[in-house]
Amino acid sequence: MKKKLDHAVNYISAILMFICALAVSLSIFLINIQSSIDTNSQNIMTDTVSRQSDHILSILQIHYGFLNSIADKMGQSSVR
């Protein structure tokens, strides 16, 4: 009877140690994954904002050029 109890205690302690090791390794893995996701998300956002900024600047330059040409035409015509 005592031998069966010793085996049961050994099995239970082994299972608890396995569960603790599994929980620790899973938490370390998830922390590393979260850190990687944060840095990748920040890099993607930075790249996206940079591209959008370049795009809006090119659109504004096109509009400025168009309005500038209209202003030149209006300046050349004389209203008498």
N, C-alpha and C. Protein backbone atom coordinates (compact mmCIF):
# COMPACT_ATOMS: atom_id res chain seq x y z
N MET A 1 0.82 -1.19 0.00
CA MET A 1 0.00 0.00 0.00
C MET A 1 0.87 1.25 0.00
N LYS A 2 1.89 1.23 0.84
CA LYS A 2 2.79 2.39 0.91
C LYS A 2 3.51 2.58 -0.40
N LYS A 3 3.86 1.49 -1.08
CA LYS A 3 4.55 1.58 -2.35
C LYS A 3 3.66 2.22 -3.41
N LYS A 4 2.36 1.86 -3.42
CA LYS A 4 1.43 2.45 -4.37
C LYS A 4 1.26 3.94 -4.09
N LEU A 5 1.25 4.32 -2.83
CA LEU A 5 1.12 5.72 -2.46
C LEU A 5 2.35 6.50 -2.90
N ASP A 6 3.53 5.89 -2.72
CA ASP A 6 4.77 6.55 -3.17
C ASP A 6 4.77 6.74 -4.69
N HIS A 7 4.31 5.72 -5.43
CA HIS A 7 4.24 5.85 -6.89
C HIS A 7 3.26 6.94 -7.29
N ALA A 8 2.13 7.03 -6.63
CA ALA A 8 1.13 8.05 -6.94
C ALA A 8 1.69 9.44 -6.66
N VAL A 9 2.40 9.60 -5.55
CA VAL A 9 3.00 10.90 -5.22
C VAL A 9 4.06 11.26 -6.26
N ASN A 10 4.84 10.28 -6.69
CA ASN A 10 5.86 10.53 -7.71
C ASN A 10 5.21 10.94 -9.04
N TYR A 11 4.14 10.26 -9.43
CA TYR A 11 3.46 10.61 -10.67
C TYR A 11 2.84 12.00 -10.59
N ILE A 12 2.21 12.29 -9.47
CA ILE A 12 1.59 13.60 -9.31
C ILE A 12 2.64 14.70 -9.32
N SER A 13 3.76 14.51 -8.65
CA SER A 13 4.81 15.52 -8.65
C SER A 13 5.42 15.68 -10.04
N ALA A 14 5.58 14.58 -10.78
CA ALA A 14 6.10 14.66 -12.14
C ALA A 14 5.14 15.41 -13.05
N ILE A 15 3.86 15.14 -12.91
CA ILE A 15 2.85 15.83 -13.72
C ILE A 15 2.83 17.31 -13.38
N LEU A 16 2.90 17.66 -12.11
CA LEU A 16 2.91 19.07 -11.70
C LEU A 16 4.15 19.78 -12.21
N MET A 17 5.31 19.12 -12.16
CA MET A 17 6.53 19.72 -12.67
C MET A 17 6.43 19.93 -14.19
N PHE A 18 5.83 18.96 -14.90
CA PHE A 18 5.64 19.10 -16.34
C PHE A 18 4.72 20.27 -16.65
N ILE A 19 3.63 20.39 -15.91
CA ILE A 19 2.69 21.49 -16.14
C ILE A 19 3.35 22.83 -15.85
N CYS A 20 4.14 22.91 -14.78
CA CYS A 20 4.84 24.17 -14.47
C CYS A 20 5.85 24.52 -15.55
N ALA A 21 6.61 23.54 -16.01
CA ALA A 21 7.59 23.78 -17.08
C ALA A 21 6.88 24.20 -18.36
N LEU A 22 5.77 23.58 -18.65
CA LEU A 22 5.00 23.93 -19.84
C LEU A 22 4.45 25.35 -19.73
N ALA A 23 3.96 25.72 -18.57
CA ALA A 23 3.43 27.08 -18.37
C ALA A 23 4.53 28.12 -18.50
N VAL A 24 5.69 27.87 -17.94
CA VAL A 24 6.81 28.81 -18.02
C VAL A 24 7.28 28.96 -19.46
N SER A 25 7.46 27.85 -20.16
CA SER A 25 7.93 27.93 -21.55
C SER A 25 6.89 28.59 -22.45
N LEU A 26 5.62 28.31 -22.21
CA LEU A 26 4.56 28.95 -23.00
C LEU A 26 4.51 30.45 -22.75
N SER A 27 4.67 30.86 -21.50
CA SER A 27 4.64 32.30 -21.20
C SER A 27 5.85 33.01 -21.82
N ILE A 28 7.02 32.40 -21.79
CA ILE A 28 8.21 32.99 -22.42
C ILE A 28 7.99 33.10 -23.93
N PHE A 29 7.45 32.06 -24.53
CA PHE A 29 7.17 32.08 -25.96
C PHE A 29 6.19 33.19 -26.32
N LEU A 30 5.11 33.31 -25.56
CA LEU A 30 4.10 34.33 -25.86
C LEU A 30 4.64 35.75 -25.64
N ILE A 31 5.48 35.94 -24.65
CA ILE A 31 6.08 37.25 -24.43
C ILE A 31 6.98 37.63 -25.60
N ASN A 32 7.77 36.68 -26.08
CA ASN A 32 8.65 36.94 -27.22
C ASN A 32 7.84 37.21 -28.49
N ILE A 33 6.77 36.47 -28.69
CA ILE A 33 5.92 36.68 -29.86
C ILE A 33 5.28 38.06 -29.80
N GLN A 34 4.80 38.46 -28.62
CA GLN A 34 4.17 39.78 -28.48
C GLN A 34 5.16 40.89 -28.77
N SER A 35 6.39 40.74 -28.30
CA SER A 35 7.42 41.73 -28.58
C SER A 35 7.71 41.82 -30.08
N SER A 36 7.79 40.69 -30.73
CA SER A 36 8.03 40.66 -32.17
C SER A 36 6.88 41.31 -32.93
N ILE A 37 5.66 41.02 -32.52
CA ILE A 37 4.49 41.61 -33.17
C ILE A 37 4.50 43.12 -33.00
N ASP A 38 4.85 43.60 -31.80
CA ASP A 38 4.89 45.04 -31.55
C ASP A 38 5.90 45.74 -32.45
N THR A 39 7.11 45.19 -32.54
CA THR A 39 8.13 45.84 -33.37
C THR A 39 7.77 45.78 -34.85
N ASN A 40 7.23 44.64 -35.31
CA ASN A 40 6.83 44.54 -36.72
C ASN A 40 5.69 45.49 -37.04
N SER A 41 4.73 45.60 -36.15
CA SER A 41 3.61 46.52 -36.37
C SER A 41 4.09 47.96 -36.43
N GLN A 42 5.01 48.32 -35.55
CA GLN A 42 5.53 49.68 -35.55
C GLN A 42 6.30 49.97 -36.84
N ASN A 43 7.08 49.01 -37.31
CA ASN A 43 7.81 49.20 -38.57
C ASN A 43 6.87 49.33 -39.75
N ILE A 44 5.83 48.52 -39.79
CA ILE A 44 4.87 48.59 -40.89
C ILE A 44 4.13 49.92 -40.87
N MET A 45 3.74 50.37 -39.67
CA MET A 45 3.05 51.66 -39.57
C MET A 45 3.95 52.81 -40.02
N THR A 46 5.22 52.77 -39.63
CA THR A 46 6.16 53.81 -40.03
C THR A 46 6.31 53.84 -41.55
N ASP A 47 6.46 52.68 -42.16
CA ASP A 47 6.59 52.62 -43.62
C ASP A 47 5.33 53.12 -44.32
N THR A 48 4.18 52.73 -43.80
CA THR A 48 2.92 53.13 -44.41
C THR A 48 2.72 54.64 -44.32
N VAL A 49 3.00 55.22 -43.17
CA VAL A 49 2.85 56.67 -43.01
C VAL A 49 3.83 57.40 -43.91
N SER A 50 5.04 56.89 -44.04
CA SER A 50 6.03 57.52 -44.91
C SER A 50 5.57 57.50 -46.37
N ARG A 51 5.05 56.36 -46.83
CA ARG A 51 4.56 56.28 -48.20
C ARG A 51 3.35 57.18 -48.43
N GLN A 52 2.46 57.24 -47.45
CA GLN A 52 1.29 58.10 -47.60
C GLN A 52 1.70 59.57 -47.61
N SER A 53 2.70 59.92 -46.82
CA SER A 53 3.19 61.30 -46.81
C SER A 53 3.80 61.67 -48.16
N ASP A 54 4.60 60.78 -48.72
CA ASP A 54 5.18 61.03 -50.04
C ASP A 54 4.09 61.17 -51.10
N HIS A 55 3.07 60.34 -51.00
CA HIS A 55 1.98 60.38 -51.98
C HIS A 55 1.21 61.70 -51.88
N ILE A 56 0.89 62.12 -50.67
CA ILE A 56 0.13 63.37 -50.53
C ILE A 56 0.96 64.57 -50.97
N LEU A 57 2.28 64.52 -50.75
CA LEU A 57 3.14 65.61 -51.23
C LEU A 57 3.16 65.68 -52.75
N SER A 58 3.20 64.53 -53.41
CA SER A 58 3.18 64.54 -54.87
C SER A 58 1.83 65.04 -55.40
N ILE A 59 0.74 64.67 -54.76
CA ILE A 59 -0.58 65.15 -55.17
C ILE A 59 -0.66 66.66 -54.98
N LEU A 60 -0.16 67.16 -53.86
CA LEU A 60 -0.18 68.61 -53.61
C LEU A 60 0.68 69.36 -54.63
N GLN A 61 1.80 68.80 -55.02
CA GLN A 61 2.65 69.44 -56.02
C GLN A 61 1.94 69.51 -57.37
N ILE A 62 1.20 68.45 -57.71
CA ILE A 62 0.44 68.46 -58.97
C ILE A 62 -0.62 69.54 -58.93
N HIS A 63 -1.35 69.63 -57.83
CA HIS A 63 -2.39 70.65 -57.71
C HIS A 63 -1.79 72.06 -57.70
N TYR A 64 -0.68 72.22 -57.02
CA TYR A 64 -0.02 73.52 -57.01
C TYR A 64 0.40 73.94 -58.41
N GLY A 65 0.96 73.00 -59.15
CA GLY A 65 1.36 73.30 -60.52
C GLY A 65 0.18 73.68 -61.39
N PHE A 66 -0.93 72.98 -61.23
CA PHE A 66 -2.13 73.29 -61.99
C PHE A 66 -2.65 74.67 -61.64
N LEU A 67 -2.75 74.98 -60.36
CA LEU A 67 -3.23 76.29 -59.94
C LEU A 67 -2.27 77.40 -60.33
N ASN A 68 -0.99 77.12 -60.32
CA ASN A 68 0.02 78.10 -60.72
C ASN A 68 -0.12 78.43 -62.21
N SER A 69 -0.38 77.41 -63.01
CA SER A 69 -0.55 77.67 -64.45
C SER A 69 -1.82 78.49 -64.70
N ILE A 70 -2.87 78.24 -63.96
CA ILE A 70 -4.09 79.04 -64.10
C ILE A 70 -3.82 80.48 -63.68
N ALA A 71 -3.07 80.68 -62.60
CA ALA A 71 -2.75 82.03 -62.14
C ALA A 71 -1.90 82.74 -63.18
N ASP A 72 -0.98 82.05 -63.83
CA ASP A 72 -0.16 82.66 -64.88
C ASP A 72 -1.04 83.10 -66.05
N LYS A 73 -1.98 82.26 -66.46
CA LYS A 73 -2.88 82.61 -67.57
C LYS A 73 -3.74 83.81 -67.19
N MET A 74 -4.21 83.85 -65.95
CA MET A 74 -5.03 84.99 -65.52
C MET A 74 -4.19 86.26 -65.46
N GLY A 75 -2.94 86.13 -65.07
CA GLY A 75 -2.05 87.28 -65.01
C GLY A 75 -1.70 87.82 -66.38
N GLN A 76 -1.62 86.93 -67.37
CA GLN A 76 -1.28 87.35 -68.73
C GLN A 76 -2.45 88.04 -69.42
N SER A 77 -3.65 87.61 -69.09
CA SER A 77 -4.80 88.24 -69.75
C SER A 77 -5.05 89.59 -69.08
N SER A 78 -5.39 90.57 -69.89
CA SER A 78 -5.62 91.90 -69.35
C SER A 78 -7.12 92.17 -69.35
N VAL A 79 -7.57 92.63 -68.23
CA VAL A 79 -8.97 92.99 -68.10
C VAL A 79 -9.05 94.50 -68.20
N ARG A 80 -9.69 95.03 -69.27
CA ARG A 80 -9.75 96.49 -69.48
C ARG A 80 -11.13 96.96 -69.51
